[in-house]
Amino acid sequence: VDLPIWAMAGTGDRQRAWTLPLMEAKLKESGSTVVKISLFPGARHMGSAHRAWAEEGLLEWIFAQSRKNRKN
């Protein structure tokens, strides 16, 4: 629950989009405070990558992650 996760998918990705809110809810129920999701309306699996890289704050979030910042 302490592993930072930012999961992203397009709502048109039938294999992944519906599972992300479930994953987020379960992790938060388990005590996670470092999980979040982004869903891109209408994007399919291959069409969501460019939207993910354009997500505001993504690079800052990625570079803020560190093994030494983790509790375990």
PDB file of N, CA and C in Angstrom:
ATOM      1  N   VAL A   1       0.807  -1.206   0.000  1.00  0.00           N
ATOM      2  CA  VAL A   1       0.000   0.000   0.000  1.00  0.00           C
ATOM      3  C   VAL A   1       0.848   1.268   0.000  1.00  0.00           C
ATOM      4  N   ASP A   2       2.142   1.150   0.248  1.00  0.00           N
ATOM      5  CA  ASP A   2       3.004   2.328   0.265  1.00  0.00           C
ATOM      6  C   ASP A   2       3.700   2.581  -1.070  1.00  0.00           C
ATOM      7  N   LEU A   3       3.491   1.713  -2.044  1.00  0.00           N
ATOM      8  CA  LEU A   3       4.109   1.877  -3.351  1.00  0.00           C
ATOM      9  C   LEU A   3       3.318   2.902  -4.154  1.00  0.00           C
ATOM     10  N   PRO A   4       3.938   4.005  -4.573  1.00  0.00           N
ATOM     11  CA  PRO A   4       3.224   5.019  -5.352  1.00  0.00           C
ATOM     12  C   PRO A   4       2.780   4.453  -6.706  1.00  0.00           C
ATOM     13  N   ILE A   5       1.518   4.623  -7.014  1.00  0.00           N
ATOM     14  CA  ILE A   5       0.954   4.150  -8.272  1.00  0.00           C
ATOM     15  C   ILE A   5       0.133   5.275  -8.884  1.00  0.00           C
ATOM     16  N   TRP A   6       0.398   5.547 -10.163  1.00  0.00           N
ATOM     17  CA  TRP A   6      -0.454   6.444 -10.931  1.00  0.00           C
ATOM     18  C   TRP A   6      -0.826   5.664 -12.182  1.00  0.00           C
ATOM     19  N   ALA A   7      -1.976   5.066 -12.173  1.00  0.00           N
ATOM     20  CA  ALA A   7      -2.425   4.236 -13.285  1.00  0.00           C
ATOM     21  C   ALA A   7      -3.272   5.064 -14.236  1.00  0.00           C
ATOM     22  N   MET A   8      -3.076   4.826 -15.538  1.00  0.00           N
ATOM     23  CA  MET A   8      -3.786   5.595 -16.555  1.00  0.00           C
ATOM     24  C   MET A   8      -4.296   4.661 -17.637  1.00  0.00           C
ATOM     25  N   ALA A   9      -5.486   4.977 -18.149  1.00  0.00           N
ATOM     26  CA  ALA A   9      -6.057   4.207 -19.253  1.00  0.00           C
ATOM     27  C   ALA A   9      -7.146   5.037 -19.914  1.00  0.00           C
ATOM     28  N   GLY A  10      -7.403   4.712 -21.158  1.00  0.00           N
ATOM     29  CA  GLY A  10      -8.518   5.328 -21.862  1.00  0.00           C
ATOM     30  C   GLY A  10      -9.806   4.589 -21.535  1.00  0.00           C
ATOM     31  N   THR A  11     -10.914   5.306 -21.526  1.00  0.00           N
ATOM     32  CA  THR A  11     -12.194   4.661 -21.220  1.00  0.00           C
ATOM     33  C   THR A  11     -12.618   3.700 -22.322  1.00  0.00           C
ATOM     34  N   GLY A  12     -12.016   3.822 -23.497  1.00  0.00           N
ATOM     35  CA  GLY A  12     -12.305   2.900 -24.581  1.00  0.00           C
ATOM     36  C   GLY A  12     -11.503   1.612 -24.511  1.00  0.00           C
ATOM     37  N   ASP A  13     -10.623   1.507 -23.536  1.00  0.00           N
ATOM     38  CA  ASP A  13      -9.827   0.297 -23.339  1.00  0.00           C
ATOM     39  C   ASP A  13     -10.648  -0.653 -22.469  1.00  0.00           C
ATOM     40  N   ARG A  14     -11.368  -1.540 -23.111  1.00  0.00           N
ATOM     41  CA  ARG A  14     -12.308  -2.407 -22.392  1.00  0.00           C
ATOM     42  C   ARG A  14     -11.626  -3.356 -21.420  1.00  0.00           C
ATOM     43  N   GLN A  15     -10.343  -3.610 -21.599  1.00  0.00           N
ATOM     44  CA  GLN A  15      -9.635  -4.546 -20.721  1.00  0.00           C
ATOM     45  C   GLN A  15      -9.134  -3.886 -19.438  1.00  0.00           C
ATOM     46  N   ARG A  16      -8.937  -2.565 -19.449  1.00  0.00           N
ATOM     47  CA  ARG A  16      -8.289  -1.929 -18.307  1.00  0.00           C
ATOM     48  C   ARG A  16      -9.094  -0.835 -17.607  1.00  0.00           C
ATOM     49  N   ALA A  17      -9.808  -0.040 -18.377  1.00  0.00           N
ATOM     50  CA  ALA A  17     -10.443   1.155 -17.805  1.00  0.00           C
ATOM     51  C   ALA A  17     -11.370   0.843 -16.635  1.00  0.00           C
ATOM     52  N   TRP A  18     -12.141  -0.211 -16.722  1.00  0.00           N
ATOM     53  CA  TRP A  18     -13.097  -0.493 -15.647  1.00  0.00           C
ATOM     54  C   TRP A  18     -12.414  -1.039 -14.404  1.00  0.00           C
ATOM     55  N   THR A  19     -11.192  -1.577 -14.540  1.00  0.00           N
ATOM     56  CA  THR A  19     -10.521  -2.148 -13.377  1.00  0.00           C
ATOM     57  C   THR A  19      -9.777  -1.103 -12.540  1.00  0.00           C
ATOM     58  N   LEU A  20      -9.410   0.020 -13.153  1.00  0.00           N
ATOM     59  CA  LEU A  20      -8.623   1.012 -12.411  1.00  0.00           C
ATOM     60  C   LEU A  20      -9.363   1.599 -11.213  1.00  0.00           C
ATOM     61  N   PRO A  21     -10.630   2.012 -11.342  1.00  0.00           N
ATOM     62  CA  PRO A  21     -11.322   2.502 -10.144  1.00  0.00           C
ATOM     63  C   PRO A  21     -11.437   1.436  -9.051  1.00  0.00           C
ATOM     64  N   LEU A  22     -11.602   0.179  -9.443  1.00  0.00           N
ATOM     65  CA  LEU A  22     -11.660  -0.901  -8.449  1.00  0.00           C
ATOM     66  C   LEU A  22     -10.328  -1.051  -7.729  1.00  0.00           C
ATOM     67  N   MET A  23      -9.235  -1.022  -8.494  1.00  0.00           N
ATOM     68  CA  MET A  23      -7.900  -1.124  -7.902  1.00  0.00           C
ATOM     69  C   MET A  23      -7.651   0.035  -6.940  1.00  0.00           C
ATOM     70  N   GLU A  24      -7.981   1.241  -7.393  1.00  0.00           N
ATOM     71  CA  GLU A  24      -7.779   2.425  -6.550  1.00  0.00           C
ATOM     72  C   GLU A  24      -8.569   2.311  -5.246  1.00  0.00           C
ATOM     73  N   ALA A  25      -9.823   1.899  -5.343  1.00  0.00           N
ATOM     74  CA  ALA A  25     -10.664   1.775  -4.149  1.00  0.00           C
ATOM     75  C   ALA A  25     -10.107   0.738  -3.184  1.00  0.00           C
ATOM     76  N   LYS A  26      -9.686  -0.412  -3.703  1.00  0.00           N
ATOM     77  CA  LYS A  26      -9.149  -1.470  -2.834  1.00  0.00           C
ATOM     78  C   LYS A  26      -7.865  -1.024  -2.145  1.00  0.00           C
ATOM     79  N   LEU A  27      -6.986  -0.354  -2.893  1.00  0.00           N
ATOM     80  CA  LEU A  27      -5.746   0.114  -2.280  1.00  0.00           C
ATOM     81  C   LEU A  27      -6.021   1.176  -1.213  1.00  0.00           C
ATOM     82  N   LYS A  28      -6.953   2.074  -1.487  1.00  0.00           N
ATOM     83  CA  LYS A  28      -7.292   3.096  -0.493  1.00  0.00           C
ATOM     84  C   LYS A  28      -7.950   2.472   0.730  1.00  0.00           C
ATOM     85  N   GLU A  29      -8.778   1.450   0.522  1.00  0.00           N
ATOM     86  CA  GLU A  29      -9.373   0.727   1.654  1.00  0.00           C
ATOM     87  C   GLU A  29      -8.295   0.077   2.512  1.00  0.00           C
ATOM     88  N   SER A  30      -7.193  -0.306   1.871  1.00  0.00           N
ATOM     89  CA  SER A  30      -6.081  -0.952   2.573  1.00  0.00           C
ATOM     90  C   SER A  30      -5.137   0.057   3.216  1.00  0.00           C
ATOM     91  N   GLY A  31      -5.412   1.346   3.024  1.00  0.00           N
ATOM     92  CA  GLY A  31      -4.606   2.372   3.671  1.00  0.00           C
ATOM     93  C   GLY A  31      -3.678   3.146   2.766  1.00  0.00           C
ATOM     94  N   SER A  32      -3.721   2.903   1.473  1.00  0.00           N
ATOM     95  CA  SER A  32      -2.837   3.622   0.569  1.00  0.00           C
ATOM     96  C   SER A  32      -3.229   5.097   0.461  1.00  0.00           C
ATOM     97  N   THR A  33      -2.232   5.941   0.491  1.00  0.00           N
ATOM     98  CA  THR A  33      -2.441   7.366   0.253  1.00  0.00           C
ATOM     99  C   THR A  33      -1.640   7.820  -0.960  1.00  0.00           C
ATOM    100  N   VAL A  34      -1.024   6.864  -1.659  1.00  0.00           N
ATOM    101  CA  VAL A  34      -0.148   7.208  -2.782  1.00  0.00           C
ATOM    102  C   VAL A  34      -0.592   6.534  -4.085  1.00  0.00           C
ATOM    103  N   VAL A  35      -1.888   6.348  -4.237  1.00  0.00           N
ATOM    104  CA  VAL A  35      -2.419   5.776  -5.471  1.00  0.00           C
ATOM    105  C   VAL A  35      -3.387   6.779  -6.085  1.00  0.00           C
ATOM    106  N   LYS A  36      -3.309   6.901  -7.407  1.00  0.00           N
ATOM    107  CA  LYS A  36      -4.290   7.713  -8.113  1.00  0.00           C
ATOM    108  C   LYS A  36      -4.419   7.182  -9.530  1.00  0.00           C
ATOM    109  N   ILE A  37      -5.528   7.547 -10.165  1.00  0.00           N
ATOM    110  CA  ILE A  37      -5.760   7.088 -11.525  1.00  0.00           C
ATOM    111  C   ILE A  37      -6.137   8.278 -12.405  1.00  0.00           C
ATOM    112  N   SER A  38      -5.904   8.121 -13.684  1.00  0.00           N
ATOM    113  CA  SER A  38      -6.370   9.071 -14.695  1.00  0.00           C
ATOM    114  C   SER A  38      -7.043   8.263 -15.785  1.00  0.00           C
ATOM    115  N   LEU A  39      -8.274   8.623 -16.114  1.00  0.00           N
ATOM    116  CA  LEU A  39      -9.001   7.975 -17.200  1.00  0.00           C
ATOM    117  C   LEU A  39      -9.200   9.000 -18.310  1.00  0.00           C
ATOM    118  N   PHE A  40      -8.897   8.601 -19.533  1.00  0.00           N
ATOM    119  CA  PHE A  40      -8.989   9.497 -20.673  1.00  0.00           C
ATOM    120  C   PHE A  40     -10.235   9.156 -21.482  1.00  0.00           C
ATOM    121  N   PRO A  41     -11.230  10.040 -21.480  1.00  0.00           N
ATOM    122  CA  PRO A  41     -12.500   9.764 -22.145  1.00  0.00           C
ATOM    123  C   PRO A  41     -12.316   9.410 -23.626  1.00  0.00           C
ATOM    124  N   GLY A  42     -12.875   8.260 -23.994  1.00  0.00           N
ATOM    125  CA  GLY A  42     -12.893   7.833 -25.377  1.00  0.00           C
ATOM    126  C   GLY A  42     -11.623   7.199 -25.909  1.00  0.00           C
ATOM    127  N   ALA A  43     -10.513   7.353 -25.235  1.00  0.00           N
ATOM    128  CA  ALA A  43      -9.240   6.818 -25.730  1.00  0.00           C
ATOM    129  C   ALA A  43      -9.219   5.307 -25.599  1.00  0.00           C
ATOM    130  N   ARG A  44      -8.684   4.658 -26.618  1.00  0.00           N
ATOM    131  CA  ARG A  44      -8.515   3.212 -26.580  1.00  0.00           C
ATOM    132  C   ARG A  44      -7.107   2.917 -26.072  1.00  0.00           C
ATOM    133  N   HIS A  45      -6.756   1.654 -26.017  1.00  0.00           N
ATOM    134  CA  HIS A  45      -5.466   1.248 -25.446  1.00  0.00           C
ATOM    135  C   HIS A  45      -4.288   1.983 -26.085  1.00  0.00           C
ATOM    136  N   MET A  46      -4.175   1.927 -27.386  1.00  0.00           N
ATOM    137  CA  MET A  46      -3.035   2.552 -28.062  1.00  0.00           C
ATOM    138  C   MET A  46      -3.155   4.071 -28.127  1.00  0.00           C
ATOM    139  N   GLY A  47      -4.341   4.597 -27.966  1.00  0.00           N
ATOM    140  CA  GLY A  47      -4.539   6.034 -28.066  1.00  0.00           C
ATOM    141  C   GLY A  47      -4.346   6.792 -26.770  1.00  0.00           C
ATOM    142  N   SER A  48      -4.085   6.096 -25.691  1.00  0.00           N
ATOM    143  CA  SER A  48      -3.986   6.792 -24.403  1.00  0.00           C
ATOM    144  C   SER A  48      -2.551   7.162 -24.032  1.00  0.00           C
ATOM    145  N   ALA A  49      -1.560   6.622 -24.713  1.00  0.00           N
ATOM    146  CA  ALA A  49      -0.166   6.893 -24.338  1.00  0.00           C
ATOM    147  C   ALA A  49       0.187   8.366 -24.480  1.00  0.00           C
ATOM    148  N   HIS A  50      -0.191   8.976 -25.589  1.00  0.00           N
ATOM    149  CA  HIS A  50       0.148  10.393 -25.762  1.00  0.00           C
ATOM    150  C   HIS A  50      -0.584  11.268 -24.748  1.00  0.00           C
ATOM    151  N   ARG A  51      -1.775  10.853 -24.354  1.00  0.00           N
ATOM    152  CA  ARG A  51      -2.504  11.603 -23.325  1.00  0.00           C
ATOM    153  C   ARG A  51      -1.838  11.435 -21.959  1.00  0.00           C
ATOM    154  N   ALA A  52      -1.326  10.249 -21.698  1.00  0.00           N
ATOM    155  CA  ALA A  52      -0.657  10.011 -20.417  1.00  0.00           C
ATOM    156  C   ALA A  52       0.585  10.899 -20.294  1.00  0.00           C
ATOM    157  N   TRP A  53       1.403  10.940 -21.342  1.00  0.00           N
ATOM    158  CA  TRP A  53       2.619  11.754 -21.287  1.00  0.00           C
ATOM    159  C   TRP A  53       2.321  13.239 -21.225  1.00  0.00           C
ATOM    160  N   ALA A  54       1.121  13.647 -21.637  1.00  0.00           N
ATOM    161  CA  ALA A  54       0.725  15.048 -21.576  1.00  0.00           C
ATOM    162  C   ALA A  54       0.043  15.398 -20.249  1.00  0.00           C
ATOM    163  N   GLU A  55      -0.144  14.421 -19.396  1.00  0.00           N
ATOM    164  CA  GLU A  55      -0.825  14.636 -18.111  1.00  0.00           C
ATOM    165  C   GLU A  55      -0.029  15.626 -17.260  1.00  0.00           C
ATOM    166  N   GLU A  56      -0.709  16.654 -16.814  1.00  0.00           N
ATOM    167  CA  GLU A  56      -0.052  17.700 -16.027  1.00  0.00           C
ATOM    168  C   GLU A  56       0.541  17.122 -14.740  1.00  0.00           C
ATOM    169  N   GLY A  57       1.803  17.390 -14.511  1.00  0.00           N
ATOM    170  CA  GLY A  57       2.475  16.956 -13.300  1.00  0.00           C
ATOM    171  C   GLY A  57       3.096  15.571 -13.371  1.00  0.00           C
ATOM    172  N   LEU A  58       2.946  14.878 -14.502  1.00  0.00           N
ATOM    173  CA  LEU A  58       3.445  13.501 -14.594  1.00  0.00           C
ATOM    174  C   LEU A  58       4.957  13.427 -14.409  1.00  0.00           C
ATOM    175  N   LEU A  59       5.696  14.227 -15.135  1.00  0.00           N
ATOM    176  CA  LEU A  59       7.158  14.140 -15.020  1.00  0.00           C
ATOM    177  C   LEU A  59       7.642  14.522 -13.633  1.00  0.00           C
ATOM    178  N   GLU A  60       7.041  15.522 -13.044  1.00  0.00           N
ATOM    179  CA  GLU A  60       7.412  15.907 -11.679  1.00  0.00           C
ATOM    180  C   GLU A  60       7.129  14.760 -10.713  1.00  0.00           C
ATOM    181  N   TRP A  61       5.973  14.097 -10.905  1.00  0.00           N
ATOM    182  CA  TRP A  61       5.608  12.969 -10.048  1.00  0.00           C
ATOM    183  C   TRP A  61       6.604  11.829 -10.224  1.00  0.00           C
ATOM    184  N   ILE A  62       6.935  11.501 -11.470  1.00  0.00           N
ATOM    185  CA  ILE A  62       7.884  10.415 -11.738  1.00  0.00           C
ATOM    186  C   ILE A  62       9.223  10.692 -11.073  1.00  0.00           C
ATOM    187  N   PHE A  63       9.754  11.894 -11.276  1.00  0.00           N
ATOM    188  CA  PHE A  63      11.085  12.199 -10.743  1.00  0.00           C
ATOM    189  C   PHE A  63      11.095  12.419  -9.234  1.00  0.00           C
ATOM    190  N   ALA A  64       9.926  12.548  -8.630  1.00  0.00           N
ATOM    191  CA  ALA A  64       9.853  12.659  -7.169  1.00  0.00           C
ATOM    192  C   ALA A  64       9.913  11.289  -6.499  1.00  0.00           C
ATOM    193  N   GLN A  65       9.764  10.225  -7.298  1.00  0.00           N
ATOM    194  CA  GLN A  65       9.777   8.880  -6.730  1.00  0.00           C
ATOM    195  C   GLN A  65      11.215   8.415  -6.511  1.00  0.00           C
ATOM    196  N   SER A  66      11.419   7.738  -5.422  1.00  0.00           N
ATOM    197  CA  SER A  66      12.744   7.257  -5.068  1.00  0.00           C
ATOM    198  C   SER A  66      12.608   6.074  -4.124  1.00  0.00           C
ATOM    199  N   ARG A  67      13.510   5.131  -4.262  1.00  0.00           N
ATOM    200  CA  ARG A  67      13.489   3.995  -3.334  1.00  0.00           C
ATOM    201  C   ARG A  67      13.673   4.476  -1.889  1.00  0.00           C
ATOM    202  N   LYS A  68      14.475   5.501  -1.699  1.00  0.00           N
ATOM    203  CA  LYS A  68      14.701   5.967  -0.331  1.00  0.00           C
ATOM    204  C   LYS A  68      13.515   6.745   0.209  1.00  0.00           C
ATOM    205  N   ASN A  69      12.577   7.176  -0.645  1.00  0.00           N
ATOM    206  CA  ASN A  69      11.372   7.841  -0.171  1.00  0.00           C
ATOM    207  C   ASN A  69      10.316   6.854   0.290  1.00  0.00           C
ATOM    208  N   ARG A  70      10.486   5.576  -0.038  1.00  0.00           N
ATOM    209  CA  ARG A  70       9.527   4.550   0.344  1.00  0.00           C
ATOM    210  C   ARG A  70       9.752   4.142   1.796  1.00  0.00           C
ATOM    211  N   LYS A  71       8.678   3.737   2.452  1.00  0.00           N
ATOM    212  CA  LYS A  71       8.767   3.316   3.850  1.00  0.00           C
ATOM    213  C   LYS A  71       9.419   1.952   3.978  1.00  0.00           C
ATOM    214  N   ASN A  72       9.237   1.071   2.991  1.00  0.00           N
ATOM    215  CA  ASN A  72       9.804  -0.278   3.044  1.00  0.00           C
ATOM    216  C   ASN A  72      10.847  -0.462   1.985  1.00  0.00           C
TER     217      ASN A  72
END
